[in-house]
Amino acid sequence: MIGFGRAIADTMQNWSDNAQIRVPGYSDRVVHINHTKEEGGMNLNMPREDVAALAERGRWAGVLLAERFSRRHDDDKPSWDSHRWLRFRSSLALLEETLEKMGLSWRAEPPSVETSYPALLQRGLDDPPAIYRWADEEQRQQAMVETEQLLNVINSWDYDKDGVFGRGSPCPRPRLRIMPDW
C-alpha cells in the first residue's frame, strides 16, 4: 500500500512533465540525472554528502543546457534556434487544427436546444446566459470585431486532410488544451 501511495503522489506531481518529455521541443530542455532510490524524490533524510553529490550532478546538467542553448549551432545538434523552430512548427500545426475546428463549430447548425455561436456573440449585455457576461458594451463590441477578424483568417486558410502545417511537423504532436493556470 505504501508503494501504491507513493505512485499516486508521483503521478500527481509529475504526470504533465512526464507526458511532455516525449514531445519534440520539450524533451531537448530536459537532462536526466541518475540517482539511487535513497537520493532525491520524497527522501528528506539524505546525508549531506548525498545532497552535495546530487546537487553537483544538477549543476553539470545546468552547464550542459547552458552550453546547448547559449551558442549558435550550425549543425543538427540541439540549439536554441532548433528548439524555437520545433516549437514554432508544432504550434503552427496545432493552431491550424484548432482554428479549423473553431471554424467548423462556428458555422455548424446547433441542435434546437442550443444557441449558435454567432447568436451568443450578438446577445446583449443583459441577455442570458447570465454567467461571465461582458464587462461593458465596449468589450462586447471589441469581441465582435476581433472574432470577425479571426473568422476571416480561419476562412482564408487552406485546410486539407492532414492540415497544411501538420505535414512534416514534429511528432508526436503535442495537444493544445485549456488548463487552469495554477
N, C-alpha and C. Protein backbone atom coordinates (compact mmCIF):
# COMPACT_ATOMS: atom_id res chain seq x y z
N MET A 1 0.82 -1.20 0.00
CA MET A 1 0.00 0.00 0.00
C MET A 1 0.87 1.27 0.00
N ILE A 2 1.99 1.22 0.70
CA ILE A 2 2.86 2.40 0.75
C ILE A 2 3.39 2.70 -0.65
N GLY A 3 3.82 1.66 -1.37
CA GLY A 3 4.29 1.85 -2.75
C GLY A 3 3.22 2.41 -3.65
N PHE A 4 1.99 1.93 -3.47
CA PHE A 4 0.86 2.43 -4.26
C PHE A 4 0.61 3.92 -3.96
N GLY A 5 0.68 4.27 -2.69
CA GLY A 5 0.50 5.68 -2.29
C GLY A 5 1.58 6.57 -2.88
N ARG A 6 2.82 6.07 -2.89
CA ARG A 6 3.91 6.84 -3.49
C ARG A 6 3.71 7.00 -4.99
N ALA A 7 3.22 5.96 -5.65
CA ALA A 7 2.96 6.04 -7.09
C ALA A 7 1.88 7.08 -7.38
N ILE A 8 0.87 7.15 -6.54
CA ILE A 8 -0.18 8.17 -6.72
C ILE A 8 0.42 9.56 -6.54
N ALA A 9 1.22 9.75 -5.51
CA ALA A 9 1.85 11.06 -5.27
C ALA A 9 2.76 11.44 -6.42
N ASP A 10 3.54 10.49 -6.93
CA ASP A 10 4.43 10.77 -8.06
C ASP A 10 3.63 11.15 -9.29
N THR A 11 2.55 10.45 -9.54
CA THR A 11 1.70 10.77 -10.70
C THR A 11 1.12 12.17 -10.57
N MET A 12 0.65 12.53 -9.38
CA MET A 12 0.08 13.87 -9.17
C MET A 12 1.11 14.95 -9.44
N GLN A 13 2.35 14.72 -9.00
CA GLN A 13 3.39 15.73 -9.13
C GLN A 13 3.99 15.81 -10.52
N ASN A 14 4.08 14.69 -11.22
CA ASN A 14 4.92 14.64 -12.42
C ASN A 14 4.21 14.24 -13.70
N TRP A 15 2.91 14.00 -13.70
CA TRP A 15 2.26 13.46 -14.90
C TRP A 15 2.40 14.38 -16.09
N SER A 16 2.26 15.68 -15.90
CA SER A 16 2.35 16.61 -17.03
C SER A 16 3.77 16.66 -17.58
N ASP A 17 4.75 16.73 -16.69
CA ASP A 17 6.15 16.73 -17.12
C ASP A 17 6.50 15.45 -17.86
N ASN A 18 6.06 14.33 -17.32
CA ASN A 18 6.37 13.04 -17.95
C ASN A 18 5.72 12.91 -19.32
N ALA A 19 4.53 13.46 -19.49
CA ALA A 19 3.87 13.40 -20.79
C ALA A 19 4.57 14.33 -21.79
N GLN A 20 4.96 15.51 -21.35
CA GLN A 20 5.58 16.47 -22.26
C GLN A 20 6.98 16.09 -22.69
N ILE A 21 7.66 15.29 -21.90
CA ILE A 21 9.05 14.96 -22.22
C ILE A 21 9.16 14.19 -23.54
N ARG A 22 8.07 13.60 -23.99
CA ARG A 22 8.08 12.85 -25.25
C ARG A 22 7.89 13.75 -26.47
N VAL A 23 7.56 15.00 -26.24
CA VAL A 23 7.24 15.92 -27.33
C VAL A 23 8.48 16.70 -27.75
N PRO A 24 8.81 16.67 -29.06
CA PRO A 24 9.94 17.48 -29.53
C PRO A 24 9.72 18.96 -29.18
N GLY A 25 10.76 19.61 -28.77
CA GLY A 25 10.65 21.00 -28.34
C GLY A 25 10.52 21.11 -26.83
N TYR A 26 10.20 20.02 -26.18
CA TYR A 26 10.20 19.97 -24.72
C TYR A 26 11.35 19.08 -24.25
N SER A 27 11.49 17.94 -24.93
CA SER A 27 12.48 16.96 -24.48
C SER A 27 13.91 17.48 -24.55
N ASP A 28 14.20 18.41 -25.47
CA ASP A 28 15.57 18.91 -25.57
C ASP A 28 15.92 19.88 -24.44
N ARG A 29 14.95 20.22 -23.60
CA ARG A 29 15.21 21.08 -22.45
C ARG A 29 15.38 20.28 -21.17
N VAL A 30 15.41 18.96 -21.30
CA VAL A 30 15.47 18.08 -20.14
C VAL A 30 16.77 17.29 -20.14
N VAL A 31 17.40 17.25 -18.99
CA VAL A 31 18.58 16.41 -18.80
C VAL A 31 18.23 15.43 -17.69
N HIS A 32 18.36 14.15 -17.97
CA HIS A 32 18.10 13.13 -16.96
C HIS A 32 19.29 13.05 -16.02
N ILE A 33 19.02 13.12 -14.73
CA ILE A 33 20.07 13.00 -13.73
C ILE A 33 19.85 11.68 -13.00
N ASN A 34 20.79 10.77 -13.16
CA ASN A 34 20.68 9.47 -12.49
C ASN A 34 20.79 9.65 -10.98
N HIS A 35 20.00 8.84 -10.28
CA HIS A 35 20.09 8.84 -8.82
C HIS A 35 19.62 7.49 -8.30
N THR A 36 19.97 7.22 -7.09
CA THR A 36 19.57 5.96 -6.46
C THR A 36 18.23 6.15 -5.76
N LYS A 37 17.69 5.06 -5.24
CA LYS A 37 16.41 5.13 -4.50
C LYS A 37 16.54 5.99 -3.25
N GLU A 38 17.75 6.09 -2.74
CA GLU A 38 17.96 6.85 -1.50
C GLU A 38 18.15 8.35 -1.77
N GLU A 39 18.27 8.72 -3.02
CA GLU A 39 18.51 10.13 -3.37
C GLU A 39 17.26 10.75 -4.00
N GLY A 40 17.05 12.02 -3.74
CA GLY A 40 16.00 12.78 -4.40
C GLY A 40 14.60 12.35 -4.02
N GLY A 41 13.63 12.83 -4.82
CA GLY A 41 12.23 12.49 -4.58
C GLY A 41 11.75 12.99 -3.24
N MET A 42 11.03 12.11 -2.55
CA MET A 42 10.47 12.47 -1.24
C MET A 42 11.42 12.11 -0.09
N ASN A 43 12.66 11.73 -0.39
CA ASN A 43 13.62 11.37 0.63
C ASN A 43 14.16 12.64 1.27
N LEU A 44 13.63 12.97 2.42
CA LEU A 44 14.02 14.20 3.10
C LEU A 44 15.14 13.97 4.12
N ASN A 45 15.59 12.74 4.26
CA ASN A 45 16.62 12.42 5.25
C ASN A 45 17.94 12.02 4.59
N MET A 46 18.28 12.61 3.48
CA MET A 46 19.53 12.26 2.79
C MET A 46 20.72 12.83 3.55
N PRO A 47 21.80 12.07 3.61
CA PRO A 47 23.02 12.60 4.20
C PRO A 47 23.54 13.79 3.38
N ARG A 48 24.25 14.64 4.03
CA ARG A 48 24.78 15.86 3.42
C ARG A 48 25.58 15.57 2.14
N GLU A 49 26.41 14.54 2.20
CA GLU A 49 27.25 14.23 1.03
C GLU A 49 26.41 13.74 -0.16
N ASP A 50 25.29 13.06 0.11
CA ASP A 50 24.39 12.65 -0.98
C ASP A 50 23.72 13.87 -1.61
N VAL A 51 23.32 14.81 -0.77
CA VAL A 51 22.71 16.05 -1.27
C VAL A 51 23.73 16.80 -2.13
N ALA A 52 24.96 16.87 -1.66
CA ALA A 52 26.01 17.57 -2.41
C ALA A 52 26.30 16.88 -3.75
N ALA A 53 26.34 15.55 -3.74
CA ALA A 53 26.60 14.81 -4.98
C ALA A 53 25.46 15.00 -5.98
N LEU A 54 24.23 14.95 -5.50
CA LEU A 54 23.07 15.16 -6.36
C LEU A 54 23.06 16.60 -6.91
N ALA A 55 23.39 17.54 -6.06
CA ALA A 55 23.45 18.94 -6.49
C ALA A 55 24.54 19.14 -7.55
N GLU A 56 25.66 18.45 -7.41
CA GLU A 56 26.74 18.57 -8.39
C GLU A 56 26.29 18.01 -9.75
N ARG A 57 25.58 16.89 -9.73
CA ARG A 57 25.06 16.36 -10.99
C ARG A 57 24.07 17.34 -11.61
N GLY A 58 23.27 17.98 -10.77
CA GLY A 58 22.34 19.00 -11.27
C GLY A 58 23.08 20.21 -11.84
N ARG A 59 24.17 20.59 -11.20
CA ARG A 59 24.97 21.71 -11.71
C ARG A 59 25.51 21.38 -13.10
N TRP A 60 26.01 20.15 -13.29
CA TRP A 60 26.54 19.76 -14.59
C TRP A 60 25.43 19.68 -15.64
N ALA A 61 24.23 19.31 -15.22
CA ALA A 61 23.09 19.31 -16.15
C ALA A 61 22.81 20.75 -16.59
N GLY A 62 22.90 21.68 -15.65
CA GLY A 62 22.71 23.10 -15.98
C GLY A 62 23.77 23.60 -16.94
N VAL A 63 25.02 23.17 -16.73
CA VAL A 63 26.11 23.55 -17.64
C VAL A 63 25.82 23.02 -19.05
N LEU A 64 25.37 21.76 -19.13
CA LEU A 64 25.05 21.17 -20.42
C LEU A 64 23.93 21.95 -21.13
N LEU A 65 22.87 22.29 -20.41
CA LEU A 65 21.77 23.05 -21.01
C LEU A 65 22.23 24.45 -21.43
N ALA A 66 23.01 25.09 -20.58
CA ALA A 66 23.51 26.42 -20.92
C ALA A 66 24.38 26.36 -22.17
N GLU A 67 25.21 25.34 -22.28
CA GLU A 67 26.06 25.17 -23.46
C GLU A 67 25.21 24.92 -24.70
N ARG A 68 24.20 24.10 -24.53
CA ARG A 68 23.32 23.74 -25.65
C ARG A 68 22.59 24.96 -26.20
N PHE A 69 22.12 25.82 -25.32
CA PHE A 69 21.24 26.91 -25.76
C PHE A 69 21.89 28.29 -25.79
N SER A 70 23.15 28.40 -25.42
CA SER A 70 23.74 29.74 -25.35
C SER A 70 24.60 30.09 -26.56
N ARG A 71 24.80 29.16 -27.47
CA ARG A 71 25.57 29.50 -28.67
C ARG A 71 24.85 28.97 -29.90
N ARG A 72 25.19 29.55 -31.01
CA ARG A 72 24.57 29.15 -32.27
C ARG A 72 25.19 27.84 -32.74
N HIS A 73 24.35 26.92 -33.14
CA HIS A 73 24.80 25.65 -33.71
C HIS A 73 24.44 25.65 -35.18
N ASP A 74 25.42 25.42 -36.01
CA ASP A 74 25.17 25.40 -37.45
C ASP A 74 24.97 23.97 -37.97
N ASP A 75 24.87 23.02 -37.05
CA ASP A 75 24.64 21.63 -37.45
C ASP A 75 23.28 21.19 -36.91
N ASP A 76 23.04 19.93 -36.83
CA ASP A 76 21.74 19.41 -36.39
C ASP A 76 21.68 19.14 -34.89
N LYS A 77 22.67 19.58 -34.14
CA LYS A 77 22.64 19.39 -32.70
C LYS A 77 21.59 20.31 -32.09
N PRO A 78 21.03 19.91 -30.93
CA PRO A 78 20.06 20.78 -30.27
C PRO A 78 20.66 22.16 -29.98
N SER A 79 19.92 23.19 -30.27
CA SER A 79 20.34 24.56 -30.02
C SER A 79 19.09 25.39 -29.73
N TRP A 80 19.30 26.63 -29.36
CA TRP A 80 18.15 27.50 -29.10
C TRP A 80 17.33 27.69 -30.38
N ASP A 81 18.01 27.87 -31.52
CA ASP A 81 17.27 28.02 -32.78
C ASP A 81 16.50 26.75 -33.14
N SER A 82 17.10 25.58 -32.98
CA SER A 82 16.38 24.35 -33.30
C SER A 82 15.21 24.16 -32.34
N HIS A 83 15.40 24.52 -31.07
CA HIS A 83 14.33 24.44 -30.08
C HIS A 83 13.16 25.35 -30.47
N ARG A 84 13.49 26.57 -30.81
CA ARG A 84 12.44 27.53 -31.20
C ARG A 84 11.75 27.08 -32.48
N TRP A 85 12.49 26.51 -33.44
CA TRP A 85 11.91 26.04 -34.69
C TRP A 85 10.94 24.88 -34.43
N LEU A 86 11.35 23.93 -33.59
CA LEU A 86 10.46 22.82 -33.25
C LEU A 86 9.16 23.33 -32.62
N ARG A 87 9.29 24.25 -31.68
CA ARG A 87 8.10 24.78 -31.02
C ARG A 87 7.22 25.54 -32.02
N PHE A 88 7.81 26.28 -32.93
CA PHE A 88 7.06 27.01 -33.95
C PHE A 88 6.31 26.04 -34.85
N ARG A 89 7.01 25.01 -35.36
CA ARG A 89 6.35 24.03 -36.24
C ARG A 89 5.20 23.33 -35.54
N SER A 90 5.42 22.91 -34.29
CA SER A 90 4.36 22.26 -33.52
C SER A 90 3.20 23.20 -33.29
N SER A 91 3.51 24.43 -32.91
CA SER A 91 2.46 25.42 -32.62
C SER A 91 1.63 25.75 -33.84
N LEU A 92 2.29 25.88 -34.98
CA LEU A 92 1.57 26.21 -36.21
C LEU A 92 0.61 25.09 -36.60
N ALA A 93 1.06 23.84 -36.48
CA ALA A 93 0.18 22.70 -36.78
C ALA A 93 -1.00 22.65 -35.82
N LEU A 94 -0.75 22.90 -34.53
CA LEU A 94 -1.83 22.90 -33.55
C LEU A 94 -2.79 24.06 -33.77
N LEU A 95 -2.25 25.21 -34.10
CA LEU A 95 -3.09 26.37 -34.36
C LEU A 95 -4.00 26.11 -35.55
N GLU A 96 -3.43 25.54 -36.61
CA GLU A 96 -4.23 25.23 -37.79
C GLU A 96 -5.38 24.28 -37.43
N GLU A 97 -5.06 23.24 -36.69
CA GLU A 97 -6.07 22.25 -36.30
C GLU A 97 -7.15 22.90 -35.43
N THR A 98 -6.74 23.72 -34.48
CA THR A 98 -7.68 24.37 -33.57
C THR A 98 -8.57 25.37 -34.31
N LEU A 99 -7.96 26.16 -35.19
CA LEU A 99 -8.75 27.13 -35.94
C LEU A 99 -9.73 26.45 -36.88
N GLU A 100 -9.32 25.34 -37.48
CA GLU A 100 -10.24 24.61 -38.35
C GLU A 100 -11.45 24.12 -37.55
N LYS A 101 -11.20 23.57 -36.37
CA LYS A 101 -12.30 23.11 -35.51
C LYS A 101 -13.18 24.27 -35.07
N MET A 102 -12.56 25.41 -34.76
CA MET A 102 -13.35 26.58 -34.37
C MET A 102 -14.25 27.02 -35.51
N GLY A 103 -13.70 27.06 -36.73
CA GLY A 103 -14.50 27.45 -37.89
C GLY A 103 -15.66 26.51 -38.13
N LEU A 104 -15.41 25.22 -38.00
CA LEU A 104 -16.49 24.23 -38.17
C LEU A 104 -17.57 24.41 -37.11
N SER A 105 -17.15 24.64 -35.86
CA SER A 105 -18.12 24.86 -34.78
C SER A 105 -18.90 26.15 -34.98
N TRP A 106 -18.22 27.18 -35.45
CA TRP A 106 -18.87 28.48 -35.67
C TRP A 106 -19.95 28.37 -36.74
N ARG A 107 -19.65 27.61 -37.80
CA ARG A 107 -20.59 27.51 -38.93
C ARG A 107 -21.67 26.44 -38.73
N ALA A 108 -21.48 25.54 -37.77
CA ALA A 108 -22.41 24.42 -37.58
C ALA A 108 -23.78 24.90 -37.13
N GLU A 109 -24.79 24.22 -37.62
CA GLU A 109 -26.16 24.48 -37.17
C GLU A 109 -26.34 23.74 -35.85
N PRO A 110 -26.61 24.46 -34.76
CA PRO A 110 -26.71 23.78 -33.46
C PRO A 110 -28.03 23.03 -33.32
N PRO A 111 -28.07 22.06 -32.43
CA PRO A 111 -29.34 21.39 -32.12
C PRO A 111 -30.36 22.42 -31.61
N SER A 112 -31.60 22.07 -31.64
CA SER A 112 -32.66 23.02 -31.28
C SER A 112 -32.56 23.53 -29.85
N VAL A 113 -31.90 22.81 -28.98
CA VAL A 113 -31.79 23.25 -27.58
C VAL A 113 -30.60 24.18 -27.35
N GLU A 114 -29.80 24.44 -28.39
CA GLU A 114 -28.62 25.30 -28.26
C GLU A 114 -28.77 26.56 -29.09
N THR A 115 -28.03 27.57 -28.70
CA THR A 115 -27.94 28.81 -29.45
C THR A 115 -26.64 28.77 -30.25
N SER A 116 -26.66 29.25 -31.47
CA SER A 116 -25.44 29.23 -32.29
C SER A 116 -24.40 30.18 -31.68
N TYR A 117 -23.14 29.93 -32.02
CA TYR A 117 -22.08 30.82 -31.54
C TYR A 117 -22.27 32.25 -32.04
N PRO A 118 -22.61 32.47 -33.32
CA PRO A 118 -22.84 33.85 -33.76
C PRO A 118 -23.95 34.53 -32.95
N ALA A 119 -25.01 33.80 -32.65
CA ALA A 119 -26.11 34.39 -31.86
C ALA A 119 -25.66 34.68 -30.43
N LEU A 120 -24.84 33.79 -29.86
CA LEU A 120 -24.33 34.04 -28.50
C LEU A 120 -23.47 35.30 -28.48
N LEU A 121 -22.66 35.48 -29.51
CA LEU A 121 -21.80 36.66 -29.57
C LEU A 121 -22.62 37.94 -29.72
N GLN A 122 -23.71 37.88 -30.46
CA GLN A 122 -24.53 39.06 -30.73
C GLN A 122 -25.42 39.45 -29.55
N ARG A 123 -25.56 38.60 -28.57
CA ARG A 123 -26.50 38.88 -27.48
C ARG A 123 -26.12 40.13 -26.71
N GLY A 124 -27.11 40.76 -26.13
CA GLY A 124 -26.90 41.98 -25.37
C GLY A 124 -26.29 41.72 -24.01
N LEU A 125 -25.95 42.78 -23.34
CA LEU A 125 -25.30 42.66 -22.04
C LEU A 125 -26.20 42.00 -21.00
N ASP A 126 -27.51 42.14 -21.12
CA ASP A 126 -28.43 41.59 -20.13
C ASP A 126 -29.11 40.30 -20.59
N ASP A 127 -28.76 39.83 -21.78
CA ASP A 127 -29.38 38.60 -22.29
C ASP A 127 -28.76 37.38 -21.63
N PRO A 128 -29.55 36.30 -21.48
CA PRO A 128 -28.97 35.08 -20.92
C PRO A 128 -28.01 34.42 -21.90
N PRO A 129 -27.11 33.59 -21.45
CA PRO A 129 -26.91 33.18 -20.06
C PRO A 129 -26.22 34.29 -19.25
N ALA A 130 -26.47 34.26 -17.95
CA ALA A 130 -26.01 35.33 -17.08
C ALA A 130 -24.57 35.16 -16.60
N ILE A 131 -23.96 34.01 -16.87
CA ILE A 131 -22.60 33.79 -16.36
C ILE A 131 -21.55 34.46 -17.26
N TYR A 132 -20.56 35.03 -16.67
CA TYR A 132 -19.42 35.63 -17.35
C TYR A 132 -19.85 36.57 -18.48
N ARG A 133 -20.76 37.44 -18.18
CA ARG A 133 -21.21 38.41 -19.17
C ARG A 133 -20.06 39.36 -19.52
N TRP A 134 -20.24 40.07 -20.63
CA TRP A 134 -19.26 41.09 -20.99
C TRP A 134 -19.21 42.13 -19.90
N ALA A 135 -18.04 42.70 -19.67
CA ALA A 135 -17.87 43.71 -18.64
C ALA A 135 -18.64 44.98 -19.00
N ASP A 136 -18.67 45.30 -20.29
CA ASP A 136 -19.36 46.50 -20.75
C ASP A 136 -19.57 46.40 -22.26
N GLU A 137 -20.24 47.40 -22.82
CA GLU A 137 -20.54 47.39 -24.26
C GLU A 137 -19.27 47.47 -25.09
N GLU A 138 -18.27 48.19 -24.62
CA GLU A 138 -17.01 48.29 -25.36
C GLU A 138 -16.36 46.91 -25.52
N GLN A 139 -16.36 46.12 -24.45
CA GLN A 139 -15.79 44.78 -24.52
C GLN A 139 -16.59 43.91 -25.49
N ARG A 140 -17.90 44.01 -25.46
CA ARG A 140 -18.75 43.22 -26.35
C ARG A 140 -18.48 43.58 -27.81
N GLN A 141 -18.39 44.88 -28.10
CA GLN A 141 -18.12 45.33 -29.47
C GLN A 141 -16.74 44.87 -29.93
N GLN A 142 -15.76 44.97 -29.06
CA GLN A 142 -14.40 44.53 -29.40
C GLN A 142 -14.39 43.03 -29.70
N ALA A 143 -15.13 42.26 -28.92
CA ALA A 143 -15.22 40.81 -29.16
C ALA A 143 -15.82 40.53 -30.54
N MET A 144 -16.83 41.28 -30.91
CA MET A 144 -17.45 41.07 -32.22
C MET A 144 -16.48 41.41 -33.35
N VAL A 145 -15.76 42.51 -33.22
CA VAL A 145 -14.80 42.93 -34.25
C VAL A 145 -13.67 41.91 -34.37
N GLU A 146 -13.09 41.53 -33.25
CA GLU A 146 -11.93 40.63 -33.30
C GLU A 146 -12.32 39.20 -33.67
N THR A 147 -13.52 38.79 -33.30
CA THR A 147 -13.99 37.47 -33.74
C THR A 147 -14.17 37.46 -35.25
N GLU A 148 -14.69 38.54 -35.80
CA GLU A 148 -14.85 38.64 -37.26
C GLU A 148 -13.48 38.58 -37.94
N GLN A 149 -12.49 39.27 -37.39
CA GLN A 149 -11.14 39.22 -37.95
C GLN A 149 -10.57 37.81 -37.88
N LEU A 150 -10.78 37.13 -36.76
CA LEU A 150 -10.30 35.77 -36.61
C LEU A 150 -10.99 34.83 -37.60
N LEU A 151 -12.29 35.01 -37.78
CA LEU A 151 -13.02 34.17 -38.74
C LEU A 151 -12.54 34.42 -40.17
N ASN A 152 -12.15 35.65 -40.49
CA ASN A 152 -11.58 35.92 -41.81
C ASN A 152 -10.28 35.15 -42.01
N VAL A 153 -9.45 35.09 -40.97
CA VAL A 153 -8.21 34.31 -41.05
C VAL A 153 -8.54 32.82 -41.19
N ILE A 154 -9.46 32.34 -40.37
CA ILE A 154 -9.85 30.92 -40.41
C ILE A 154 -10.35 30.56 -41.81
N ASN A 155 -11.19 31.39 -42.37
CA ASN A 155 -11.77 31.11 -43.69
C ASN A 155 -10.76 31.22 -44.82
N SER A 156 -9.65 31.93 -44.58
CA SER A 156 -8.66 32.11 -45.65
C SER A 156 -7.65 30.96 -45.70
N TRP A 157 -7.56 30.16 -44.64
CA TRP A 157 -6.60 29.07 -44.62
C TRP A 157 -7.10 27.91 -45.47
N ASP A 158 -6.17 27.22 -46.09
CA ASP A 158 -6.48 26.09 -46.96
C ASP A 158 -6.31 24.80 -46.17
N TYR A 159 -7.42 24.27 -45.67
CA TYR A 159 -7.36 23.06 -44.85
C TYR A 159 -7.47 21.84 -45.75
N ASP A 160 -6.67 20.82 -45.45
CA ASP A 160 -6.83 19.55 -46.13
C ASP A 160 -6.83 18.45 -45.06
N LYS A 161 -6.81 17.20 -45.50
CA LYS A 161 -6.97 16.08 -44.58
C LYS A 161 -6.00 16.13 -43.40
N ASP A 162 -4.72 16.33 -43.66
CA ASP A 162 -3.71 16.34 -42.60
C ASP A 162 -3.34 17.74 -42.16
N GLY A 163 -3.91 18.74 -42.78
CA GLY A 163 -3.53 20.11 -42.48
C GLY A 163 -2.27 20.48 -43.24
N VAL A 164 -2.23 21.67 -43.72
CA VAL A 164 -1.05 22.14 -44.45
C VAL A 164 0.18 22.11 -43.56
N PHE A 165 0.04 22.60 -42.34
CA PHE A 165 1.20 22.70 -41.45
C PHE A 165 1.42 21.42 -40.66
N GLY A 166 0.45 20.53 -40.65
CA GLY A 166 0.61 19.26 -39.95
C GLY A 166 1.56 18.31 -40.67
N ARG A 167 1.62 18.44 -42.00
CA ARG A 167 2.51 17.56 -42.77
C ARG A 167 3.97 17.88 -42.43
N GLY A 168 4.68 16.86 -41.98
CA GLY A 168 6.10 17.02 -41.66
C GLY A 168 6.37 17.73 -40.35
N SER A 169 5.32 18.00 -39.56
CA SER A 169 5.56 18.68 -38.28
C SER A 169 6.11 17.67 -37.27
N PRO A 170 6.74 18.16 -36.20
CA PRO A 170 7.34 17.26 -35.21
C PRO A 170 6.32 16.29 -34.62
N CYS A 171 6.77 15.06 -34.41
CA CYS A 171 5.93 14.01 -33.82
C CYS A 171 6.62 13.45 -32.59
N PRO A 172 5.89 13.02 -31.59
CA PRO A 172 4.45 13.12 -31.53
C PRO A 172 4.01 14.57 -31.34
N ARG A 173 2.85 14.87 -31.87
CA ARG A 173 2.33 16.22 -31.80
C ARG A 173 1.79 16.50 -30.40
N PRO A 174 2.11 17.66 -29.84
CA PRO A 174 1.54 17.99 -28.54
C PRO A 174 0.05 18.29 -28.67
N ARG A 175 -0.61 18.44 -27.56
CA ARG A 175 -2.02 18.80 -27.54
C ARG A 175 -2.16 20.25 -27.12
N LEU A 176 -3.06 20.93 -27.77
CA LEU A 176 -3.41 22.28 -27.35
C LEU A 176 -4.66 22.15 -26.52
N ARG A 177 -4.56 22.49 -25.24
CA ARG A 177 -5.72 22.33 -24.39
C ARG A 177 -5.77 23.41 -23.32
N ILE A 178 -6.95 23.63 -22.85
CA ILE A 178 -7.17 24.62 -21.80
C ILE A 178 -6.99 23.95 -20.45
N MET A 179 -6.13 24.54 -19.64
CA MET A 179 -5.87 24.02 -18.30
C MET A 179 -5.87 25.19 -17.32
N PRO A 180 -6.15 24.92 -16.07
CA PRO A 180 -6.08 26.01 -15.09
C PRO A 180 -4.65 26.51 -14.94
N ASP A 181 -4.51 27.79 -14.71
CA ASP A 181 -3.21 28.41 -14.53
C ASP A 181 -2.90 28.48 -13.03
N TRP A 182 -2.47 27.34 -12.51
CA TRP A 182 -2.16 27.29 -11.10
C TRP A 182 -0.82 26.86 -10.94
